[in-house]
C-alpha cells in the first residue's frame, strides 16, 4: 500500500449511480457478505418452511436483511441520493 492510499478507505459496496443505496459488491469481502446473506436466507427457508412457519420465516428474513443493511451502511460508500454523476 502506497502512502497516498493509506488515507483512502476501501468500500465493499459502492454507491449506486442513480438513486439511493448500494450496488453490487466491489471486493471479495462484499461478495462473501452476499454469499452469507443468501446462505442464511436458504437456511431460514429450510428451518422455517414458509408454508408451515410463515411468521418465523418472515421474522428471520427481516433480521437477516437488516444485518445486510447494517453491514452495507458500515462498509459501503456514504449513502445519499445520486443523479448519475460520481
PDB file of N, CA and C in Angstrom:
ATOM      1  N   UNK A   1       0.846  -1.164   0.000  1.00  0.00           N
ATOM      2  CA  UNK A   1       0.000   0.000   0.000  1.00  0.00           C
ATOM      3  C   UNK A   1       0.898   1.235   0.000  1.00  0.00           C
ATOM      4  N   UNK A   2       0.642   2.108  -0.903  1.00  0.00           N
ATOM      5  CA  UNK A   2       1.463   3.308  -1.006  1.00  0.00           C
ATOM      6  C   UNK A   2       0.993   4.346   0.020  1.00  0.00           C
ATOM      7  N   UNK A   3       1.841   5.312   0.340  1.00  0.00           N
ATOM      8  CA  UNK A   3       1.452   6.344   1.315  1.00  0.00           C
ATOM      9  C   UNK A   3       0.212   7.130   0.889  1.00  0.00           C
ATOM     10  N   UNK A   4      -0.012   7.283  -0.427  1.00  0.00           N
ATOM     11  CA  UNK A   4      -1.191   8.032  -0.869  1.00  0.00           C
ATOM     12  C   UNK A   4      -2.467   7.227  -0.687  1.00  0.00           C
ATOM     13  N   UNK A   5      -2.363   5.903  -0.654  1.00  0.00           N
ATOM     14  CA  UNK A   5      -3.536   5.051  -0.474  1.00  0.00           C
ATOM     15  C   UNK A   5      -3.912   4.861   0.993  1.00  0.00           C
ATOM     16  N   UNK A   6      -3.033   5.220   1.896  1.00  0.00           N
ATOM     17  CA  UNK A   6      -3.273   4.942   3.315  1.00  0.00           C
ATOM     18  C   UNK A   6      -4.470   5.709   3.858  1.00  0.00           C
ATOM     19  N   UNK A   7      -4.753   6.886   3.334  1.00  0.00           N
ATOM     20  CA  UNK A   7      -5.887   7.653   3.814  1.00  0.00           C
ATOM     21  C   UNK A   7      -7.202   7.249   3.177  1.00  0.00           C
ATOM     22  N   UNK A   8      -7.160   6.467   2.114  1.00  0.00           N
ATOM     23  CA  UNK A   8      -8.373   6.060   1.419  1.00  0.00           C
ATOM     24  C   UNK A   8      -8.975   4.827   2.074  1.00  0.00           C
ATOM     25  N   UNK A   9     -10.277   4.811   2.141  1.00  0.00           N
ATOM     26  CA  UNK A   9     -10.984   3.660   2.699  1.00  0.00           C
ATOM     27  C   UNK A   9     -11.505   2.817   1.546  1.00  0.00           C
ATOM     28  N   UNK A  10     -11.290   1.528   1.637  1.00  0.00           N
ATOM     29  CA  UNK A  10     -11.824   0.661   0.582  1.00  0.00           C
ATOM     30  C   UNK A  10     -13.234   0.238   0.962  1.00  0.00           C
ATOM     31  N   UNK A  11     -14.154   0.456   0.047  1.00  0.00           N
ATOM     32  CA  UNK A  11     -15.555   0.128   0.285  1.00  0.00           C
ATOM     33  C   UNK A  11     -15.873  -1.242  -0.280  1.00  0.00           C
ATOM     34  N   UNK A  12     -16.667  -1.993   0.462  1.00  0.00           N
ATOM     35  CA  UNK A  12     -17.113  -3.295  -0.022  1.00  0.00           C
ATOM     36  C   UNK A  12     -18.268  -3.135  -0.986  1.00  0.00           C
ATOM     37  N   UNK A  13     -19.064  -2.081  -0.784  1.00  0.00           N
ATOM     38  CA  UNK A  13     -20.245  -1.846  -1.603  1.00  0.00           C
ATOM     39  C   UNK A  13     -20.213  -0.413  -2.135  1.00  0.00           C
ATOM     40  N   UNK A  14     -20.014  -0.229  -3.428  1.00  0.00           N
ATOM     41  CA  UNK A  14     -20.021   1.128  -3.980  1.00  0.00           C
ATOM     42  C   UNK A  14     -21.448   1.674  -4.049  1.00  0.00           C
ATOM     43  N   UNK A  15     -21.543   2.982  -4.056  1.00  0.00           N
ATOM     44  CA  UNK A  15     -22.854   3.616  -4.170  1.00  0.00           C
ATOM     45  C   UNK A  15     -23.405   3.404  -5.574  1.00  0.00           C
ATOM     46  N   UNK A  16     -24.721   3.333  -5.667  1.00  0.00           N
ATOM     47  CA  UNK A  16     -25.365   3.246  -6.976  1.00  0.00           C
ATOM     48  C   UNK A  16     -25.185   4.568  -7.705  1.00  0.00           C
ATOM     49  N   UNK A  17     -25.151   4.522  -9.002  1.00  0.00           N
ATOM     50  CA  UNK A  17     -25.012   5.749  -9.778  1.00  0.00           C
ATOM     51  C   UNK A  17     -26.309   6.555  -9.764  1.00  0.00           C
ATOM     52  N   UNK A  18     -27.435   5.883  -9.820  1.00  0.00           N
ATOM     53  CA  UNK A  18     -28.748   6.533  -9.801  1.00  0.00           C
ATOM     54  C   UNK A  18     -29.505   6.090  -8.561  1.00  0.00           C
ATOM     55  N   UNK A  19     -30.099   7.032  -7.836  1.00  0.00           N
ATOM     56  CA  UNK A  19     -30.914   6.689  -6.689  1.00  0.00           C
ATOM     57  C   UNK A  19     -30.127   6.632  -5.405  1.00  0.00           C
ATOM     58  N   UNK A  20     -30.703   5.957  -4.419  1.00  0.00           N
ATOM     59  CA  UNK A  20     -30.123   5.877  -3.097  1.00  0.00           C
ATOM     60  C   UNK A  20     -29.752   4.436  -2.804  1.00  0.00           C
ATOM     61  N   UNK A  21     -28.612   4.226  -2.199  1.00  0.00           N
ATOM     62  CA  UNK A  21     -28.235   2.878  -1.788  1.00  0.00           C
ATOM     63  C   UNK A  21     -26.949   2.413  -2.423  1.00  0.00           C
ATOM     64  N   UNK A  22     -26.770   1.094  -2.412  1.00  0.00           N
ATOM     65  CA  UNK A  22     -25.518   0.499  -2.857  1.00  0.00           C
ATOM     66  C   UNK A  22     -25.763  -0.461  -3.998  1.00  0.00           C
ATOM     67  N   UNK A  23     -24.714  -0.636  -4.803  1.00  0.00           N
ATOM     68  CA  UNK A  23     -24.775  -1.574  -5.916  1.00  0.00           C
ATOM     69  C   UNK A  23     -24.170  -2.907  -5.529  1.00  0.00           C
ATOM     70  N   UNK A  24     -23.783  -3.669  -6.541  1.00  0.00           N
ATOM     71  CA  UNK A  24     -23.156  -4.965  -6.293  1.00  0.00           C
ATOM     72  C   UNK A  24     -21.795  -4.782  -5.633  1.00  0.00           C
ATOM     73  N   UNK A  25     -21.327  -5.769  -4.898  1.00  0.00           N
ATOM     74  CA  UNK A  25     -20.041  -5.661  -4.200  1.00  0.00           C
ATOM     75  C   UNK A  25     -18.879  -5.388  -5.153  1.00  0.00           C
ATOM     76  N   UNK A  26     -17.865  -4.711  -4.611  1.00  0.00           N
ATOM     77  CA  UNK A  26     -16.673  -4.409  -5.400  1.00  0.00           C
ATOM     78  C   UNK A  26     -15.428  -5.066  -4.816  1.00  0.00           C
ATOM     79  N   UNK A  27     -15.592  -5.917  -3.814  1.00  0.00           N
ATOM     80  CA  UNK A  27     -14.453  -6.603  -3.204  1.00  0.00           C
ATOM     81  C   UNK A  27     -14.875  -8.021  -2.813  1.00  0.00           C
ATOM     82  N   UNK A  28     -13.891  -8.827  -2.509  1.00  0.00           N
ATOM     83  CA  UNK A  28     -14.208 -10.197  -2.127  1.00  0.00           C
ATOM     84  C   UNK A  28     -14.976 -10.231  -0.805  1.00  0.00           C
ATOM     85  N   UNK A  29     -14.711  -9.250   0.084  1.00  0.00           N
ATOM     86  CA  UNK A  29     -15.435  -9.215   1.347  1.00  0.00           C
ATOM     87  C   UNK A  29     -16.926  -8.949   1.115  1.00  0.00           C
ATOM     88  N   UNK A  30     -17.221  -8.083   0.147  1.00  0.00           N
ATOM     89  CA  UNK A  30     -18.617  -7.814  -0.184  1.00  0.00           C
ATOM     90  C   UNK A  30     -19.299  -9.035  -0.767  1.00  0.00           C
ATOM     91  N   UNK A  31     -18.578  -9.739  -1.645  1.00  0.00           N
ATOM     92  CA  UNK A  31     -19.158 -10.960  -2.225  1.00  0.00           C
ATOM     93  C   UNK A  31     -19.341 -12.038  -1.169  1.00  0.00           C
ATOM     94  N   UNK A  32     -18.410 -12.118  -0.211  1.00  0.00           N
ATOM     95  CA  UNK A  32     -18.568 -13.082   0.888  1.00  0.00           C
ATOM     96  C   UNK A  32     -19.782 -12.726   1.736  1.00  0.00           C
ATOM     97  N   UNK A  33     -20.006 -11.425   1.942  1.00  0.00           N
ATOM     98  CA  UNK A  33     -21.177 -10.976   2.683  1.00  0.00           C
ATOM     99  C   UNK A  33     -22.456 -11.376   1.958  1.00  0.00           C
ATOM    100  N   UNK A  34     -22.481 -11.183   0.629  1.00  0.00           N
ATOM    101  CA  UNK A  34     -23.634 -11.604  -0.173  1.00  0.00           C
ATOM    102  C   UNK A  34     -23.854 -13.109  -0.053  1.00  0.00           C
ATOM    103  N   UNK A  35     -22.774 -13.885  -0.133  1.00  0.00           N
ATOM    104  CA  UNK A  35     -22.897 -15.340  -0.038  1.00  0.00           C
ATOM    105  C   UNK A  35     -23.465 -15.742   1.325  1.00  0.00           C
ATOM    106  N   UNK A  36     -22.973 -15.115   2.392  1.00  0.00           N
ATOM    107  CA  UNK A  36     -23.507 -15.403   3.727  1.00  0.00           C
ATOM    108  C   UNK A  36     -24.979 -15.011   3.827  1.00  0.00           C
ATOM    109  N   UNK A  37     -25.341 -13.888   3.221  1.00  0.00           N
ATOM    110  CA  UNK A  37     -26.731 -13.434   3.245  1.00  0.00           C
ATOM    111  C   UNK A  37     -27.645 -14.456   2.574  1.00  0.00           C
ATOM    112  N   UNK A  38     -27.295 -14.865   1.359  1.00  0.00           N
ATOM    113  CA  UNK A  38     -28.150 -15.813   0.647  1.00  0.00           C
ATOM    114  C   UNK A  38     -28.122 -17.196   1.298  1.00  0.00           C
ATOM    115  N   UNK A  39     -26.982 -17.572   1.874  1.00  0.00           N
ATOM    116  CA  UNK A  39     -26.923 -18.827   2.617  1.00  0.00           C
ATOM    117  C   UNK A  39     -27.820 -18.790   3.846  1.00  0.00           C
ATOM    118  N   UNK A  40     -27.825 -17.653   4.540  1.00  0.00           N
ATOM    119  CA  UNK A  40     -28.690 -17.513   5.712  1.00  0.00           C
ATOM    120  C   UNK A  40     -30.163 -17.523   5.316  1.00  0.00           C
ATOM    121  N   UNK A  41     -30.495 -16.907   4.181  1.00  0.00           N
ATOM    122  CA  UNK A  41     -31.884 -16.962   3.702  1.00  0.00           C
ATOM    123  C   UNK A  41     -32.298 -18.391   3.373  1.00  0.00           C
ATOM    124  N   UNK A  42     -31.401 -19.123   2.720  1.00  0.00           N
ATOM    125  CA  UNK A  42     -31.704 -20.515   2.385  1.00  0.00           C
ATOM    126  C   UNK A  42     -31.896 -21.329   3.663  1.00  0.00           C
ATOM    127  N   UNK A  43     -31.001 -21.135   4.629  1.00  0.00           N
ATOM    128  CA  UNK A  43     -31.108 -21.864   5.887  1.00  0.00           C
ATOM    129  C   UNK A  43     -32.410 -21.518   6.613  1.00  0.00           C
ATOM    130  N   UNK A  44     -32.784 -20.249   6.569  1.00  0.00           N
ATOM    131  CA  UNK A  44     -34.046 -19.828   7.182  1.00  0.00           C
ATOM    132  C   UNK A  44     -35.231 -20.526   6.520  1.00  0.00           C
ATOM    133  N   UNK A  45     -35.217 -20.607   5.192  1.00  0.00           N
ATOM    134  CA  UNK A  45     -36.310 -21.276   4.480  1.00  0.00           C
ATOM    135  C   UNK A  45     -36.319 -22.777   4.767  1.00  0.00           C
ATOM    136  N   UNK A  46     -35.151 -23.348   5.014  1.00  0.00           N
ATOM    137  CA  UNK A  46     -35.060 -24.774   5.323  1.00  0.00           C
ATOM    138  C   UNK A  46     -35.571 -25.069   6.740  1.00  0.00           C
ATOM    139  N   UNK A  47     -35.149 -24.241   7.691  1.00  0.00           N
ATOM    140  CA  UNK A  47     -35.530 -24.457   9.090  1.00  0.00           C
ATOM    141  C   UNK A  47     -36.986 -24.054   9.341  1.00  0.00           C
ATOM    142  N   UNK A  48     -37.397 -22.950   8.720  1.00  0.00           N
ATOM    143  CA  UNK A  48     -38.764 -22.445   8.877  1.00  0.00           C
ATOM    144  C   UNK A  48     -39.439 -22.421   7.513  1.00  0.00           C
ATOM    145  N   UNK A  49     -39.951 -23.545   7.040  1.00  0.00           N
ATOM    146  CA  UNK A  49     -40.592 -23.568   5.712  1.00  0.00           C
ATOM    147  C   UNK A  49     -41.696 -22.505   5.634  1.00  0.00           C
ATOM    148  N   UNK A  50     -41.641 -21.654   4.601  1.00  0.00           N
ATOM    149  CA  UNK A  50     -42.599 -20.541   4.514  1.00  0.00           C
ATOM    150  C   UNK A  50     -44.061 -20.974   4.553  1.00  0.00           C
ATOM    151  N   UNK A  51     -44.385 -22.141   4.039  1.00  0.00           N
ATOM    152  CA  UNK A  51     -45.766 -22.594   4.039  1.00  0.00           C
ATOM    153  C   UNK A  51     -46.246 -23.116   5.373  1.00  0.00           C
ATOM    154  N   UNK A  52     -45.303 -23.477   6.251  1.00  0.00           N
ATOM    155  CA  UNK A  52     -45.675 -24.063   7.539  1.00  0.00           C
ATOM    156  C   UNK A  52     -45.444 -23.117   8.716  1.00  0.00           C
ATOM    157  N   UNK A  53     -44.328 -22.393   8.675  1.00  0.00           N
ATOM    158  CA  UNK A  53     -43.969 -21.489   9.771  1.00  0.00           C
ATOM    159  C   UNK A  53     -43.732 -20.096   9.206  1.00  0.00           C
ATOM    160  N   UNK A  54     -44.765 -19.549   8.628  1.00  0.00           N
ATOM    161  CA  UNK A  54     -44.661 -18.291   7.891  1.00  0.00           C
ATOM    162  C   UNK A  54     -44.158 -17.143   8.765  1.00  0.00           C
ATOM    163  N   UNK A  55     -44.687 -16.998   9.946  1.00  0.00           N
ATOM    164  CA  UNK A  55     -44.288 -15.881  10.811  1.00  0.00           C
ATOM    165  C   UNK A  55     -42.801 -15.952  11.161  1.00  0.00           C
ATOM    166  N   UNK A  56     -42.308 -17.137  11.506  1.00  0.00           N
ATOM    167  CA  UNK A  56     -40.885 -17.288  11.829  1.00  0.00           C
ATOM    168  C   UNK A  56     -40.017 -17.035  10.608  1.00  0.00           C
ATOM    169  N   UNK A  57     -40.465 -17.499   9.462  1.00  0.00           N
ATOM    170  CA  UNK A  57     -39.704 -17.265   8.237  1.00  0.00           C
ATOM    171  C   UNK A  57     -39.607 -15.772   7.943  1.00  0.00           C
ATOM    172  N   UNK A  58     -40.714 -15.051   8.057  1.00  0.00           N
ATOM    173  CA  UNK A  58     -40.706 -13.606   7.798  1.00  0.00           C
ATOM    174  C   UNK A  58     -39.809 -12.892   8.809  1.00  0.00           C
ATOM    175  N   UNK A  59     -39.913 -13.261  10.077  1.00  0.00           N
ATOM    176  CA  UNK A  59     -39.087 -12.634  11.105  1.00  0.00           C
ATOM    177  C   UNK A  59     -37.598 -12.834  10.837  1.00  0.00           C
ATOM    178  N   UNK A  60     -37.195 -14.065  10.531  1.00  0.00           N
ATOM    179  CA  UNK A  60     -35.781 -14.313  10.273  1.00  0.00           C
ATOM    180  C   UNK A  60     -35.324 -13.615   8.997  1.00  0.00           C
ATOM    181  N   UNK A  61     -36.181 -13.549   7.988  1.00  0.00           N
ATOM    182  CA  UNK A  61     -35.822 -12.851   6.747  1.00  0.00           C
ATOM    183  C   UNK A  61     -35.609 -11.357   7.015  1.00  0.00           C
ATOM    184  N   UNK A  62     -36.472 -10.770   7.817  1.00  0.00           N
ATOM    185  CA  UNK A  62     -36.314  -9.344   8.161  1.00  0.00           C
ATOM    186  C   UNK A  62     -35.019  -9.124   8.940  1.00  0.00           C
ATOM    187  N   UNK A  63     -34.713  -9.986   9.894  1.00  0.00           N
ATOM    188  CA  UNK A  63     -33.491  -9.840  10.686  1.00  0.00           C
ATOM    189  C   UNK A  63     -32.232 -10.030   9.837  1.00  0.00           C
ATOM    190  N   UNK A  64     -32.250 -11.021   8.960  1.00  0.00           N
ATOM    191  CA  UNK A  64     -31.098 -11.273   8.093  1.00  0.00           C
ATOM    192  C   UNK A  64     -30.890 -10.094   7.143  1.00  0.00           C
ATOM    193  N   UNK A  65     -31.966  -9.559   6.593  1.00  0.00           N
ATOM    194  CA  UNK A  65     -31.873  -8.417   5.686  1.00  0.00           C
ATOM    195  C   UNK A  65     -31.409  -7.172   6.440  1.00  0.00           C
ATOM    196  N   UNK A  66     -31.867  -6.984   7.659  1.00  0.00           N
ATOM    197  CA  UNK A  66     -31.406  -5.855   8.475  1.00  0.00           C
ATOM    198  C   UNK A  66     -29.902  -5.955   8.727  1.00  0.00           C
ATOM    199  N   UNK A  67     -29.417  -7.171   8.963  1.00  0.00           N
ATOM    200  CA  UNK A  67     -27.979  -7.359   9.156  1.00  0.00           C
ATOM    201  C   UNK A  67     -27.203  -6.983   7.889  1.00  0.00           C
ATOM    202  N   UNK A  68     -27.721  -7.358   6.721  1.00  0.00           N
ATOM    203  CA  UNK A  68     -27.067  -6.987   5.464  1.00  0.00           C
ATOM    204  C   UNK A  68     -27.052  -5.466   5.294  1.00  0.00           C
ATOM    205  N   UNK A  69     -28.141  -4.808   5.620  1.00  0.00           N
ATOM    206  CA  UNK A  69     -28.195  -3.349   5.501  1.00  0.00           C
ATOM    207  C   UNK A  69     -27.216  -2.673   6.454  1.00  0.00           C
ATOM    208  N   UNK A  70     -27.072  -3.204   7.650  1.00  0.00           N
ATOM    209  CA  UNK A  70     -26.122  -2.635   8.613  1.00  0.00           C
ATOM    210  C   UNK A  70     -24.693  -2.778   8.101  1.00  0.00           C
ATOM    211  N   UNK A  71     -24.346  -3.952   7.588  1.00  0.00           N
ATOM    212  CA  UNK A  71     -23.009  -4.155   7.032  1.00  0.00           C
ATOM    213  C   UNK A  71     -22.789  -3.241   5.835  1.00  0.00           C
ATOM    214  N   UNK A  72     -23.808  -3.098   4.984  1.00  0.00           N
ATOM    215  CA  UNK A  72     -23.688  -2.214   3.821  1.00  0.00           C
ATOM    216  C   UNK A  72     -23.500  -0.767   4.261  1.00  0.00           C
ATOM    217  N   UNK A  73     -24.191  -0.356   5.292  1.00  0.00           N
ATOM    218  CA  UNK A  73     -24.080   1.014   5.794  1.00  0.00           C
ATOM    219  C   UNK A  73     -22.671   1.275   6.337  1.00  0.00           C
ATOM    220  N   UNK A  74     -22.131   0.288   7.060  1.00  0.00           N
ATOM    221  CA  UNK A  74     -20.812   0.451   7.679  1.00  0.00           C
ATOM    222  C   UNK A  74     -19.696   0.347   6.647  1.00  0.00           C
ATOM    223  N   UNK A  75     -19.770  -0.628   5.741  1.00  0.00           N
ATOM    224  CA  UNK A  75     -18.677  -0.913   4.815  1.00  0.00           C
ATOM    225  C   UNK A  75     -18.915  -0.391   3.393  1.00  0.00           C
ATOM    226  N   UNK A  76     -20.007   0.319   3.176  1.00  0.00           N
ATOM    227  CA  UNK A  76     -20.294   0.863   1.848  1.00  0.00           C
ATOM    228  C   UNK A  76     -19.985   2.348   1.768  1.00  0.00           C
ATOM    229  N   UNK A  77     -20.019   2.878   0.541  1.00  0.00           N
ATOM    230  CA  UNK A  77     -19.848   4.313   0.372  1.00  0.00           C
ATOM    231  C   UNK A  77     -20.966   5.036   1.110  1.00  0.00           C
ATOM    232  N   UNK A  78     -20.724   6.258   1.541  1.00  0.00           N
ATOM    233  CA  UNK A  78     -21.786   7.001   2.225  1.00  0.00           C
ATOM    234  C   UNK A  78     -23.047   7.083   1.365  1.00  0.00           C
ATOM    235  N   UNK A  79     -24.161   6.800   1.984  1.00  0.00           N
ATOM    236  CA  UNK A  79     -25.435   6.774   1.262  1.00  0.00           C
ATOM    237  C   UNK A  79     -25.977   8.197   1.095  1.00  0.00           C
ATOM    238  N   UNK A  80     -26.339   8.517  -0.119  1.00  0.00           N
ATOM    239  CA  UNK A  80     -27.032   9.773  -0.420  1.00  0.00           C
ATOM    240  C   UNK A  80     -27.683   9.610  -1.781  1.00  0.00           C
ATOM    241  N   UNK A  81     -28.599  10.476  -2.093  1.00  0.00           N
ATOM    242  CA  UNK A  81     -29.291  10.411  -3.377  1.00  0.00           C
ATOM    243  C   UNK A  81     -28.330  10.842  -4.473  1.00  0.00           C
ATOM    244  N   UNK A  82     -28.253  10.070  -5.541  1.00  0.00           N
ATOM    245  CA  UNK A  82     -27.341  10.371  -6.657  1.00  0.00           C
ATOM    246  C   UNK A  82     -28.124  10.498  -7.943  1.00  0.00           C
ATOM    247  N   UNK A  83     -27.663  11.388  -8.804  1.00  0.00           N
ATOM    248  CA  UNK A  83     -28.349  11.685 -10.058  1.00  0.00           C
ATOM    249  C   UNK A  83     -27.501  11.321 -11.268  1.00  0.00           C
ATOM    250  N   UNK A  84     -26.705  10.277 -11.183  1.00  0.00           N
ATOM    251  CA  UNK A  84     -25.960   9.793 -12.332  1.00  0.00           C
ATOM    252  C   UNK A  84     -24.508  10.219 -12.377  1.00  0.00           C
ATOM    253  N   UNK A  85     -24.095  11.145 -11.557  1.00  0.00           N
ATOM    254  CA  UNK A  85     -22.696  11.570 -11.537  1.00  0.00           C
ATOM    255  C   UNK A  85     -22.004  10.937 -10.331  1.00  0.00           C
ATOM    256  N   UNK A  86     -20.759  10.646 -10.477  1.00  0.00           N
ATOM    257  CA  UNK A  86     -19.988  10.039  -9.375  1.00  0.00           C
ATOM    258  C   UNK A  86     -19.316  11.101  -8.575  1.00  0.00           C
TER     259      UNK A  86
END
